[in-house]
C-alpha cells in the first residue's frame, strides 16, 4: 500500500478528532433541533481499494484517490433518529475512460445525544461500478453497504455545515462487454472524508 494511501486512510481518524473537539464547543452554536424533512449535499476525497477475482487486478491508476460527491435526504421520526436515502459516488478519469463507483442506500442516522450534532450512519442498498468512454457504458451492479460518522455544526436554525467521514463497500459482480465478461468479480471499498451542507 502506498504512503499516500496510508495518509488518506488516516484522515477519518483526524476528522473524527475534529468532530469530538467541536462537540465540546456546541454550546456556542445554534440550538440542535431536528424535525421533518432534511437534505444534504457533500463533496470530498476518497481512497478506492478496487479488487476483482479470477487472477485479474486493477492497476494503481484505476483505484487510489479521487473526488467524491454525496446526496442525502429523508425524514425525522424523532430528534435522535433520522431515516433517509443517499447516493455516494467516487469518480476518476483514467486515460480518457471515466470510472464511476458508488452506492445507493437506504440509511439510518442515529444521534446518541439529542442536543448534539454528532451522529452515526449505517446503510444498505445497491452498489455499482461503471466505465464510460464515448457512447459505451458497461456496468456491474450488486449489493452494497455503507457506514460513517459526522458532526453537524449549526450555522442557522435550518442550515448546518457537516464535516464527515464515510465508508461504502460493494460486491459489484462481473463487468460485461456484450455477452463477454470483461472484469470478473469486482468489489469496491471506499473511505472518504468531506464536507456537506445540510438543510434542517
N, C-alpha and C. Protein backbone atom coordinates (compact mmCIF):
# COMPACT_ATOMS: atom_id res chain seq x y z
N UNK A 1 0.85 -1.18 0.00
CA UNK A 1 0.00 0.00 0.00
C UNK A 1 0.89 1.24 0.00
N UNK A 2 0.59 2.26 -0.83
CA UNK A 2 1.44 3.43 -0.96
C UNK A 2 1.36 4.33 0.26
N UNK A 3 2.40 5.20 0.42
CA UNK A 3 2.41 6.12 1.53
C UNK A 3 1.23 7.09 1.44
N UNK A 4 0.90 7.53 0.21
CA UNK A 4 -0.23 8.44 0.03
C UNK A 4 -1.53 7.80 0.48
N UNK A 5 -1.71 6.53 0.15
CA UNK A 5 -2.92 5.83 0.57
C UNK A 5 -2.98 5.68 2.08
N UNK A 6 -1.82 5.38 2.70
CA UNK A 6 -1.78 5.28 4.16
C UNK A 6 -2.19 6.59 4.81
N UNK A 7 -1.70 7.70 4.27
CA UNK A 7 -2.07 9.01 4.81
C UNK A 7 -3.56 9.26 4.64
N UNK A 8 -4.10 8.89 3.49
CA UNK A 8 -5.52 9.11 3.24
C UNK A 8 -6.37 8.27 4.19
N UNK A 9 -5.94 7.06 4.46
CA UNK A 9 -6.70 6.20 5.36
C UNK A 9 -6.66 6.71 6.80
N UNK A 10 -5.67 7.55 7.13
CA UNK A 10 -5.59 8.12 8.47
C UNK A 10 -6.51 9.32 8.63
N UNK A 11 -7.00 9.88 7.53
CA UNK A 11 -7.83 11.08 7.60
C UNK A 11 -9.13 10.90 8.37
N UNK A 12 -9.83 9.73 8.26
CA UNK A 12 -11.05 9.58 9.06
C UNK A 12 -10.83 9.78 10.55
N UNK A 13 -9.68 9.29 11.06
CA UNK A 13 -9.39 9.48 12.49
C UNK A 13 -9.20 10.96 12.80
N UNK A 14 -8.56 11.69 11.88
CA UNK A 14 -8.37 13.12 12.08
C UNK A 14 -9.70 13.86 12.09
N UNK A 15 -10.57 13.52 11.12
CA UNK A 15 -11.88 14.16 11.07
C UNK A 15 -12.69 13.84 12.32
N UNK A 16 -12.62 12.59 12.78
CA UNK A 16 -13.34 12.20 14.00
C UNK A 16 -12.86 13.01 15.19
N UNK A 17 -11.54 13.24 15.28
CA UNK A 17 -10.98 14.03 16.37
C UNK A 17 -11.51 15.46 16.32
N UNK A 18 -11.55 16.05 15.12
CA UNK A 18 -12.08 17.40 14.97
C UNK A 18 -13.53 17.47 15.41
N UNK A 19 -14.33 16.44 15.04
CA UNK A 19 -15.74 16.44 15.40
C UNK A 19 -15.93 16.31 16.91
N UNK A 20 -15.12 15.47 17.55
CA UNK A 20 -15.25 15.30 19.00
C UNK A 20 -14.85 16.59 19.72
N UNK A 21 -13.78 17.23 19.25
CA UNK A 21 -13.37 18.50 19.85
C UNK A 21 -14.44 19.57 19.62
N UNK A 22 -15.03 19.56 18.42
CA UNK A 22 -16.08 20.53 18.12
C UNK A 22 -17.30 20.34 18.98
N UNK A 23 -17.56 19.08 19.35
CA UNK A 23 -18.73 18.81 20.18
C UNK A 23 -18.63 19.50 21.52
N UNK A 24 -17.40 19.72 22.02
CA UNK A 24 -17.21 20.37 23.29
C UNK A 24 -17.60 21.83 23.28
N UNK A 25 -17.60 22.45 22.09
CA UNK A 25 -17.97 23.86 21.98
C UNK A 25 -19.38 24.04 21.44
N UNK A 26 -20.18 23.00 21.50
CA UNK A 26 -21.52 23.04 20.91
C UNK A 26 -22.41 24.09 21.55
N UNK A 27 -22.13 24.44 22.79
CA UNK A 27 -22.98 25.41 23.47
C UNK A 27 -22.92 26.79 22.82
N UNK A 28 -21.83 27.05 22.05
CA UNK A 28 -21.71 28.34 21.39
C UNK A 28 -22.46 28.38 20.07
N UNK A 29 -23.03 27.25 19.64
CA UNK A 29 -23.72 27.18 18.36
C UNK A 29 -25.21 27.44 18.53
N UNK A 30 -25.88 27.45 17.38
CA UNK A 30 -27.34 27.47 17.39
C UNK A 30 -27.84 26.18 18.04
N UNK A 31 -29.02 26.21 18.63
CA UNK A 31 -29.58 25.02 19.26
C UNK A 31 -29.75 23.90 18.24
N UNK A 32 -29.47 22.65 18.64
CA UNK A 32 -29.60 21.50 17.78
C UNK A 32 -31.04 20.99 17.85
N UNK A 33 -31.84 21.34 16.88
CA UNK A 33 -33.22 20.85 16.80
C UNK A 33 -33.39 20.16 15.46
N UNK A 34 -34.06 19.01 15.48
CA UNK A 34 -34.23 18.22 14.27
C UNK A 34 -35.68 17.78 14.16
N UNK A 35 -36.28 18.05 12.99
CA UNK A 35 -37.67 17.62 12.75
C UNK A 35 -37.96 17.69 11.27
N UNK A 36 -38.89 16.85 10.82
CA UNK A 36 -39.38 16.92 9.46
C UNK A 36 -38.35 16.55 8.39
N UNK A 37 -38.54 17.12 7.20
CA UNK A 37 -37.71 16.83 6.04
C UNK A 37 -36.30 17.40 6.22
N UNK A 38 -35.31 16.67 5.71
CA UNK A 38 -33.93 17.16 5.71
C UNK A 38 -33.24 16.72 4.41
N UNK A 39 -32.18 17.43 4.03
CA UNK A 39 -31.42 17.09 2.84
C UNK A 39 -30.00 17.60 3.00
N UNK A 40 -29.05 16.95 2.32
CA UNK A 40 -27.65 17.36 2.41
C UNK A 40 -26.93 17.06 1.10
N UNK A 41 -26.00 17.95 0.75
CA UNK A 41 -25.16 17.78 -0.44
C UNK A 41 -23.72 17.94 0.00
N UNK A 42 -22.86 16.96 -0.36
CA UNK A 42 -21.48 17.00 0.10
C UNK A 42 -20.46 16.69 -0.98
N UNK A 43 -19.24 17.19 -0.78
CA UNK A 43 -18.10 16.92 -1.63
C UNK A 43 -16.96 16.42 -0.75
N UNK A 44 -16.10 15.57 -1.32
CA UNK A 44 -14.99 15.06 -0.54
C UNK A 44 -13.91 14.44 -1.40
N UNK A 45 -13.06 13.67 -0.75
CA UNK A 45 -11.96 12.98 -1.42
C UNK A 45 -11.82 11.61 -0.78
N UNK A 46 -11.72 10.57 -1.62
CA UNK A 46 -11.71 9.22 -1.07
C UNK A 46 -10.74 8.27 -1.73
N UNK A 47 -10.33 7.25 -0.98
CA UNK A 47 -9.47 6.19 -1.49
C UNK A 47 -10.33 4.99 -1.85
N UNK A 48 -10.15 4.48 -3.06
CA UNK A 48 -10.91 3.32 -3.54
C UNK A 48 -9.98 2.13 -3.67
N UNK A 49 -10.28 1.06 -2.95
CA UNK A 49 -9.48 -0.15 -2.99
C UNK A 49 -10.20 -1.21 -3.83
N UNK A 50 -10.20 -1.02 -5.15
CA UNK A 50 -10.87 -1.93 -6.07
C UNK A 50 -10.15 -3.27 -6.16
N UNK A 51 -10.93 -4.34 -6.21
CA UNK A 51 -10.38 -5.67 -6.44
C UNK A 51 -11.26 -6.42 -7.43
N UNK A 52 -10.73 -7.48 -8.01
CA UNK A 52 -11.51 -8.35 -8.89
C UNK A 52 -10.99 -9.77 -8.74
N UNK A 53 -11.77 -10.73 -9.19
CA UNK A 53 -11.44 -12.15 -8.98
C UNK A 53 -10.85 -12.77 -10.25
N UNK A 54 -10.56 -14.07 -10.15
CA UNK A 54 -10.09 -14.80 -11.32
C UNK A 54 -8.70 -14.43 -11.76
N UNK A 55 -7.88 -13.92 -10.82
CA UNK A 55 -6.50 -13.59 -11.16
C UNK A 55 -6.31 -12.22 -11.77
N UNK A 56 -7.38 -11.47 -11.98
CA UNK A 56 -7.22 -10.12 -12.54
C UNK A 56 -6.89 -9.14 -11.42
N UNK A 57 -6.44 -7.95 -11.81
CA UNK A 57 -6.16 -6.92 -10.83
C UNK A 57 -6.28 -5.54 -11.49
N UNK A 58 -6.64 -4.55 -10.68
CA UNK A 58 -6.68 -3.17 -11.15
C UNK A 58 -5.32 -2.53 -10.91
N UNK A 59 -4.83 -1.75 -11.90
CA UNK A 59 -3.56 -1.07 -11.67
C UNK A 59 -3.80 0.16 -10.79
N UNK A 60 -2.72 0.76 -10.32
CA UNK A 60 -2.82 1.86 -9.35
C UNK A 60 -3.55 3.07 -9.91
N UNK A 61 -3.48 3.29 -11.23
CA UNK A 61 -4.17 4.43 -11.83
C UNK A 61 -5.69 4.26 -11.76
N UNK A 62 -6.17 3.03 -11.72
CA UNK A 62 -7.62 2.77 -11.74
C UNK A 62 -8.26 2.83 -10.36
N UNK A 63 -7.44 2.91 -9.31
CA UNK A 63 -8.00 2.99 -7.96
C UNK A 63 -7.35 4.17 -7.25
N UNK A 64 -7.06 4.04 -5.96
CA UNK A 64 -6.43 5.14 -5.26
C UNK A 64 -7.38 6.29 -4.97
N UNK A 65 -6.85 7.51 -4.94
CA UNK A 65 -7.64 8.66 -4.52
C UNK A 65 -8.30 9.42 -5.65
N UNK A 66 -9.50 9.96 -5.36
CA UNK A 66 -10.21 10.80 -6.32
C UNK A 66 -11.36 11.50 -5.61
N UNK A 67 -12.06 12.37 -6.35
CA UNK A 67 -13.14 13.14 -5.76
C UNK A 67 -14.41 12.33 -5.53
N UNK A 68 -15.17 12.73 -4.52
CA UNK A 68 -16.44 12.08 -4.21
C UNK A 68 -17.55 13.12 -4.08
N UNK A 69 -18.78 12.67 -4.28
CA UNK A 69 -19.94 13.52 -4.09
C UNK A 69 -21.04 12.70 -3.42
N UNK A 70 -21.84 13.34 -2.58
CA UNK A 70 -22.92 12.63 -1.91
C UNK A 70 -24.18 13.49 -1.90
N UNK A 71 -25.32 12.84 -1.98
CA UNK A 71 -26.63 13.48 -1.88
C UNK A 71 -27.49 12.66 -0.96
N UNK A 72 -28.11 13.31 0.05
CA UNK A 72 -28.90 12.60 1.05
C UNK A 72 -30.19 13.37 1.31
N UNK A 73 -31.25 12.63 1.60
CA UNK A 73 -32.50 13.28 2.01
C UNK A 73 -33.37 12.27 2.73
N UNK A 74 -34.28 12.79 3.56
CA UNK A 74 -35.14 11.89 4.30
C UNK A 74 -36.03 12.61 5.29
N UNK A 75 -36.47 11.87 6.31
CA UNK A 75 -37.36 12.41 7.33
C UNK A 75 -36.82 12.16 8.72
N UNK A 76 -37.51 12.71 9.73
CA UNK A 76 -37.04 12.68 11.11
C UNK A 76 -38.13 12.15 12.03
N UNK A 77 -38.16 10.83 12.31
CA UNK A 77 -39.18 10.29 13.22
C UNK A 77 -39.09 10.87 14.62
N UNK A 78 -37.85 11.12 15.11
CA UNK A 78 -37.67 11.77 16.41
C UNK A 78 -36.31 12.45 16.43
N UNK A 79 -36.05 13.27 17.44
CA UNK A 79 -34.87 14.12 17.44
C UNK A 79 -33.56 13.34 17.46
N UNK A 80 -33.57 12.10 17.89
CA UNK A 80 -32.35 11.29 17.93
C UNK A 80 -32.24 10.31 16.76
N UNK A 81 -33.20 10.33 15.84
CA UNK A 81 -33.22 9.36 14.75
C UNK A 81 -33.70 9.99 13.45
N UNK A 82 -32.93 9.78 12.40
CA UNK A 82 -33.35 10.17 11.07
C UNK A 82 -33.27 8.96 10.14
N UNK A 83 -34.19 8.90 9.19
CA UNK A 83 -34.20 7.87 8.17
C UNK A 83 -34.13 8.54 6.82
N UNK A 84 -33.48 7.88 5.86
CA UNK A 84 -33.38 8.52 4.55
C UNK A 84 -32.73 7.64 3.51
N UNK A 85 -32.48 8.25 2.38
CA UNK A 85 -31.78 7.60 1.29
C UNK A 85 -30.61 8.46 0.89
N UNK A 86 -29.58 7.83 0.36
CA UNK A 86 -28.40 8.60 -0.05
C UNK A 86 -27.71 7.96 -1.24
N UNK A 87 -27.02 8.81 -1.99
CA UNK A 87 -26.18 8.37 -3.11
C UNK A 87 -24.76 8.83 -2.81
N UNK A 88 -23.82 7.89 -2.86
CA UNK A 88 -22.40 8.20 -2.69
C UNK A 88 -21.66 7.78 -3.95
N UNK A 89 -20.87 8.69 -4.52
CA UNK A 89 -20.23 8.43 -5.81
C UNK A 89 -18.76 8.84 -5.78
N UNK A 90 -17.90 7.95 -6.26
CA UNK A 90 -16.47 8.20 -6.44
C UNK A 90 -16.21 8.19 -7.94
N UNK A 91 -15.56 9.23 -8.46
CA UNK A 91 -15.36 9.35 -9.92
C UNK A 91 -13.90 9.63 -10.21
N UNK A 92 -13.38 8.93 -11.23
CA UNK A 92 -11.98 9.15 -11.62
C UNK A 92 -11.83 8.97 -13.12
N UNK A 93 -11.03 9.85 -13.73
CA UNK A 93 -10.74 9.73 -15.16
C UNK A 93 -9.38 9.05 -15.33
N UNK A 94 -9.37 7.96 -16.10
CA UNK A 94 -8.14 7.19 -16.32
C UNK A 94 -7.93 7.04 -17.82
N UNK A 95 -6.98 7.79 -18.35
CA UNK A 95 -6.63 7.69 -19.78
C UNK A 95 -7.86 7.84 -20.69
N UNK A 96 -8.70 8.81 -20.39
CA UNK A 96 -9.87 9.07 -21.20
C UNK A 96 -11.09 8.22 -20.90
N UNK A 97 -10.97 7.29 -19.94
CA UNK A 97 -12.09 6.46 -19.51
C UNK A 97 -12.52 6.93 -18.12
N UNK A 98 -13.81 7.20 -17.95
CA UNK A 98 -14.32 7.66 -16.66
C UNK A 98 -14.85 6.49 -15.85
N UNK A 99 -14.29 6.30 -14.68
CA UNK A 99 -14.77 5.29 -13.72
C UNK A 99 -15.74 5.97 -12.76
N UNK A 100 -16.90 5.37 -12.57
CA UNK A 100 -17.86 5.84 -11.58
C UNK A 100 -18.21 4.66 -10.68
N UNK A 101 -17.91 4.79 -9.41
CA UNK A 101 -18.12 3.71 -8.45
C UNK A 101 -18.90 4.27 -7.28
N UNK A 102 -19.94 3.56 -6.84
CA UNK A 102 -20.69 4.09 -5.71
C UNK A 102 -21.82 3.22 -5.22
N UNK A 103 -22.59 3.81 -4.30
CA UNK A 103 -23.69 3.11 -3.65
C UNK A 103 -24.93 3.98 -3.60
N UNK A 104 -26.09 3.34 -3.74
CA UNK A 104 -27.38 3.96 -3.45
C UNK A 104 -27.96 3.20 -2.28
N UNK A 105 -28.19 3.88 -1.16
CA UNK A 105 -28.53 3.18 0.08
C UNK A 105 -29.74 3.76 0.78
N UNK A 106 -30.47 2.89 1.46
CA UNK A 106 -31.39 3.32 2.48
C UNK A 106 -30.60 3.34 3.78
N UNK A 107 -30.73 4.40 4.59
CA UNK A 107 -29.84 4.54 5.73
C UNK A 107 -30.55 5.01 6.99
N UNK A 108 -29.92 4.69 8.12
CA UNK A 108 -30.36 5.12 9.45
C UNK A 108 -29.29 6.05 10.02
N UNK A 109 -29.72 7.19 10.57
CA UNK A 109 -28.80 8.17 11.14
C UNK A 109 -29.16 8.33 12.62
N UNK A 110 -28.23 7.95 13.50
CA UNK A 110 -28.50 7.94 14.94
C UNK A 110 -27.72 9.03 15.64
N UNK A 111 -28.43 9.87 16.39
CA UNK A 111 -27.84 10.94 17.19
C UNK A 111 -27.86 10.48 18.66
N UNK A 112 -26.73 10.03 19.23
CA UNK A 112 -26.73 9.50 20.60
C UNK A 112 -27.19 10.51 21.65
N UNK A 113 -26.85 11.80 21.44
CA UNK A 113 -27.23 12.86 22.38
C UNK A 113 -28.16 13.83 21.68
N UNK A 114 -29.39 14.02 22.17
CA UNK A 114 -30.38 14.83 21.46
C UNK A 114 -29.91 16.25 21.12
N UNK A 115 -29.16 16.91 22.00
CA UNK A 115 -28.78 18.30 21.78
C UNK A 115 -27.46 18.45 21.03
N UNK A 116 -26.81 17.33 20.70
CA UNK A 116 -25.52 17.36 19.99
C UNK A 116 -25.72 17.15 18.50
N UNK A 117 -24.78 17.64 17.70
CA UNK A 117 -24.83 17.43 16.25
C UNK A 117 -24.12 16.18 15.79
N UNK A 118 -23.52 15.44 16.71
CA UNK A 118 -22.79 14.22 16.34
C UNK A 118 -23.76 13.10 15.98
N UNK A 119 -23.46 12.38 14.87
CA UNK A 119 -24.31 11.25 14.51
C UNK A 119 -23.53 10.14 13.81
N UNK A 120 -24.10 8.94 13.88
CA UNK A 120 -23.58 7.74 13.23
C UNK A 120 -24.54 7.32 12.13
N UNK A 121 -23.99 6.72 11.08
CA UNK A 121 -24.82 6.32 9.94
C UNK A 121 -24.52 4.89 9.53
N UNK A 122 -25.56 4.12 9.15
CA UNK A 122 -25.38 2.79 8.57
C UNK A 122 -26.43 2.59 7.49
N UNK A 123 -26.05 1.97 6.39
CA UNK A 123 -27.00 1.79 5.29
C UNK A 123 -26.74 0.54 4.48
N UNK A 124 -27.74 0.15 3.70
CA UNK A 124 -27.64 -1.00 2.81
C UNK A 124 -28.40 -0.68 1.53
N UNK A 125 -27.90 -1.20 0.40
CA UNK A 125 -28.58 -0.91 -0.86
C UNK A 125 -27.87 -1.52 -2.04
N UNK A 126 -27.79 -0.77 -3.13
CA UNK A 126 -27.22 -1.23 -4.39
C UNK A 126 -25.85 -0.60 -4.60
N UNK A 127 -24.88 -1.42 -5.02
CA UNK A 127 -23.54 -0.94 -5.36
C UNK A 127 -23.33 -1.05 -6.86
N UNK A 128 -22.51 -0.15 -7.41
CA UNK A 128 -22.33 -0.14 -8.86
C UNK A 128 -20.91 0.25 -9.25
N UNK A 129 -20.44 -0.34 -10.35
CA UNK A 129 -19.18 0.02 -10.98
C UNK A 129 -19.48 0.27 -12.46
N UNK A 130 -19.03 1.41 -12.98
CA UNK A 130 -19.35 1.75 -14.38
C UNK A 130 -18.15 2.41 -15.06
N UNK A 131 -17.92 2.03 -16.32
CA UNK A 131 -16.90 2.65 -17.16
C UNK A 131 -17.59 3.40 -18.29
N UNK A 132 -17.14 4.61 -18.56
CA UNK A 132 -17.75 5.41 -19.63
C UNK A 132 -16.67 5.89 -20.60
N UNK A 133 -16.84 5.54 -21.88
CA UNK A 133 -15.95 6.04 -22.92
C UNK A 133 -16.75 6.14 -24.20
N UNK A 134 -16.72 7.32 -24.79
CA UNK A 134 -17.51 7.59 -25.97
C UNK A 134 -18.98 7.28 -25.69
N UNK A 135 -19.58 6.35 -26.41
CA UNK A 135 -21.01 6.07 -26.24
C UNK A 135 -21.27 4.74 -25.54
N UNK A 136 -20.24 4.16 -24.94
CA UNK A 136 -20.43 2.88 -24.25
C UNK A 136 -20.27 3.07 -22.74
N UNK A 137 -21.15 2.41 -21.98
CA UNK A 137 -21.08 2.50 -20.52
C UNK A 137 -21.35 1.12 -19.90
N UNK A 138 -20.43 0.17 -20.03
CA UNK A 138 -20.62 -1.12 -19.37
C UNK A 138 -20.62 -0.93 -17.86
N UNK A 139 -21.45 -1.71 -17.18
CA UNK A 139 -21.55 -1.57 -15.73
C UNK A 139 -21.77 -2.91 -15.05
N UNK A 140 -21.51 -2.93 -13.76
CA UNK A 140 -21.77 -4.10 -12.92
C UNK A 140 -22.47 -3.62 -11.66
N UNK A 141 -23.50 -4.34 -11.23
CA UNK A 141 -24.29 -3.92 -10.07
C UNK A 141 -24.43 -5.08 -9.09
N UNK A 142 -24.44 -4.74 -7.80
CA UNK A 142 -24.57 -5.76 -6.78
C UNK A 142 -25.07 -5.17 -5.46
N UNK A 143 -24.71 -5.81 -4.37
CA UNK A 143 -25.15 -5.39 -3.04
C UNK A 143 -24.09 -4.50 -2.41
N UNK A 144 -24.54 -3.44 -1.73
CA UNK A 144 -23.60 -2.53 -1.09
C UNK A 144 -23.98 -2.19 0.34
N UNK A 145 -22.98 -1.77 1.10
CA UNK A 145 -23.17 -1.36 2.49
C UNK A 145 -22.44 -0.05 2.72
N UNK A 146 -22.93 0.75 3.67
CA UNK A 146 -22.26 2.00 3.98
C UNK A 146 -22.29 2.25 5.48
N UNK A 147 -21.32 3.02 5.95
CA UNK A 147 -21.24 3.40 7.36
C UNK A 147 -20.47 4.70 7.45
N UNK A 148 -20.70 5.46 8.52
CA UNK A 148 -19.97 6.71 8.67
C UNK A 148 -20.30 7.42 9.95
N UNK A 149 -19.63 8.55 10.15
CA UNK A 149 -19.91 9.41 11.28
C UNK A 149 -19.67 10.85 10.87
N UNK A 150 -20.33 11.78 11.56
CA UNK A 150 -20.26 13.19 11.19
C UNK A 150 -20.67 14.06 12.36
N UNK A 151 -20.43 15.36 12.22
CA UNK A 151 -20.90 16.32 13.22
C UNK A 151 -21.47 17.52 12.48
N UNK A 152 -22.73 17.85 12.77
CA UNK A 152 -23.41 18.98 12.13
C UNK A 152 -23.24 20.23 12.99
N UNK A 153 -22.49 21.20 12.48
CA UNK A 153 -22.33 22.49 13.15
C UNK A 153 -23.40 23.45 12.64
N UNK A 154 -24.27 23.90 13.52
CA UNK A 154 -25.37 24.78 13.13
C UNK A 154 -24.84 26.15 12.70
N UNK A 155 -25.21 26.57 11.47
CA UNK A 155 -24.94 27.92 11.01
C UNK A 155 -26.15 28.81 11.24
N UNK A 156 -27.33 28.20 11.19
CA UNK A 156 -28.58 28.90 11.46
C UNK A 156 -29.59 27.87 11.96
N UNK A 157 -30.81 28.27 12.16
CA UNK A 157 -31.82 27.34 12.68
C UNK A 157 -32.06 26.18 11.74
N UNK A 158 -31.87 26.37 10.43
CA UNK A 158 -32.18 25.33 9.45
C UNK A 158 -30.97 24.79 8.68
N UNK A 159 -29.81 25.43 8.77
CA UNK A 159 -28.66 25.05 7.94
C UNK A 159 -27.47 24.68 8.81
N UNK A 160 -26.83 23.56 8.44
CA UNK A 160 -25.65 23.09 9.16
C UNK A 160 -24.51 22.83 8.18
N UNK A 161 -23.29 23.01 8.66
CA UNK A 161 -22.09 22.63 7.93
C UNK A 161 -21.56 21.37 8.61
N UNK A 162 -21.36 20.30 7.81
CA UNK A 162 -21.12 18.98 8.40
C UNK A 162 -19.85 18.33 7.87
N UNK A 163 -18.74 18.34 8.64
CA UNK A 163 -17.59 17.50 8.28
C UNK A 163 -17.93 16.04 8.53
N UNK A 164 -17.46 15.16 7.65
CA UNK A 164 -17.86 13.75 7.77
C UNK A 164 -16.76 12.82 7.31
N UNK A 165 -16.82 11.61 7.79
CA UNK A 165 -16.02 10.52 7.25
C UNK A 165 -16.97 9.39 6.91
N UNK A 166 -16.75 8.77 5.76
CA UNK A 166 -17.75 7.87 5.19
C UNK A 166 -17.06 6.66 4.58
N UNK A 167 -17.66 5.50 4.72
CA UNK A 167 -17.15 4.28 4.08
C UNK A 167 -18.29 3.61 3.34
N UNK A 168 -18.02 3.16 2.12
CA UNK A 168 -19.02 2.37 1.42
C UNK A 168 -18.35 1.25 0.64
N UNK A 169 -19.03 0.12 0.68
CA UNK A 169 -18.48 -1.13 0.16
C UNK A 169 -19.47 -1.73 -0.83
N UNK A 170 -18.95 -2.49 -1.78
CA UNK A 170 -19.85 -3.11 -2.74
C UNK A 170 -19.30 -4.38 -3.33
N UNK A 171 -20.17 -5.36 -3.50
CA UNK A 171 -19.86 -6.57 -4.28
C UNK A 171 -20.56 -6.38 -5.61
N UNK A 172 -19.85 -5.77 -6.58
CA UNK A 172 -20.46 -5.32 -7.82
C UNK A 172 -20.70 -6.44 -8.82
N UNK A 173 -19.96 -7.52 -8.72
CA UNK A 173 -20.14 -8.62 -9.66
C UNK A 173 -19.30 -8.46 -10.92
N UNK A 174 -19.76 -9.08 -12.01
CA UNK A 174 -19.00 -9.12 -13.26
C UNK A 174 -19.35 -7.93 -14.16
N UNK A 175 -18.30 -7.29 -14.70
CA UNK A 175 -18.50 -6.26 -15.72
C UNK A 175 -18.49 -6.95 -17.08
N UNK A 176 -19.57 -6.79 -17.84
CA UNK A 176 -19.70 -7.47 -19.13
C UNK A 176 -19.61 -6.50 -20.29
N UNK A 177 -18.91 -6.91 -21.31
CA UNK A 177 -18.84 -6.18 -22.57
C UNK A 177 -19.62 -7.00 -23.59
N UNK A 178 -20.91 -6.66 -23.75
CA UNK A 178 -21.79 -7.51 -24.54
C UNK A 178 -22.08 -8.77 -23.75
N UNK A 179 -21.81 -9.92 -24.33
CA UNK A 179 -22.03 -11.19 -23.64
C UNK A 179 -20.75 -11.73 -23.00
N UNK A 180 -19.65 -10.98 -23.12
CA UNK A 180 -18.36 -11.41 -22.60
C UNK A 180 -18.05 -10.74 -21.28
N UNK A 181 -17.55 -11.50 -20.33
CA UNK A 181 -17.15 -10.93 -19.04
C UNK A 181 -15.80 -10.25 -19.22
N UNK A 182 -15.79 -8.90 -19.07
CA UNK A 182 -14.55 -8.14 -19.24
C UNK A 182 -13.74 -8.11 -17.95
N UNK A 183 -14.42 -7.92 -16.81
CA UNK A 183 -13.74 -7.90 -15.50
C UNK A 183 -14.60 -8.71 -14.54
N UNK A 184 -14.11 -9.84 -14.04
CA UNK A 184 -14.92 -10.69 -13.16
C UNK A 184 -14.84 -10.27 -11.68
N UNK A 185 -15.94 -10.47 -10.97
CA UNK A 185 -15.96 -10.36 -9.52
C UNK A 185 -15.46 -9.06 -8.94
N UNK A 186 -15.94 -7.93 -9.46
CA UNK A 186 -15.47 -6.62 -8.97
C UNK A 186 -16.03 -6.35 -7.57
N UNK A 187 -15.17 -5.82 -6.71
CA UNK A 187 -15.58 -5.35 -5.39
C UNK A 187 -14.91 -4.00 -5.13
N UNK A 188 -15.63 -3.11 -4.45
CA UNK A 188 -15.01 -1.83 -4.09
C UNK A 188 -15.13 -1.57 -2.60
N UNK A 189 -14.16 -0.84 -2.07
CA UNK A 189 -14.17 -0.39 -0.68
C UNK A 189 -13.61 1.02 -0.67
N UNK A 190 -14.46 1.97 -0.38
CA UNK A 190 -14.08 3.39 -0.46
C UNK A 190 -14.19 4.02 0.92
N UNK A 191 -13.15 4.74 1.31
CA UNK A 191 -13.16 5.53 2.54
C UNK A 191 -12.93 6.97 2.11
N UNK A 192 -13.87 7.86 2.46
CA UNK A 192 -13.69 9.25 2.08
C UNK A 192 -13.92 10.19 3.26
N UNK A 193 -13.39 11.39 3.12
CA UNK A 193 -13.64 12.46 4.06
C UNK A 193 -14.17 13.64 3.26
N UNK A 194 -15.04 14.43 3.87
CA UNK A 194 -15.62 15.52 3.11
C UNK A 194 -16.36 16.52 3.98
N UNK A 195 -17.08 17.38 3.30
CA UNK A 195 -17.84 18.45 3.95
C UNK A 195 -19.17 18.57 3.22
N UNK A 196 -20.26 18.62 3.97
CA UNK A 196 -21.57 18.76 3.35
C UNK A 196 -22.33 19.93 3.95
N UNK A 197 -23.26 20.45 3.19
CA UNK A 197 -24.19 21.46 3.67
C UNK A 197 -25.53 20.78 3.85
N UNK A 198 -26.08 20.88 5.06
CA UNK A 198 -27.31 20.17 5.39
C UNK A 198 -28.42 21.15 5.74
N UNK A 199 -29.59 20.92 5.16
CA UNK A 199 -30.78 21.71 5.47
C UNK A 199 -31.59 21.01 6.53
N UNK A 200 -31.95 21.72 7.58
CA UNK A 200 -32.66 21.22 8.75
C UNK A 200 -31.77 20.19 9.44
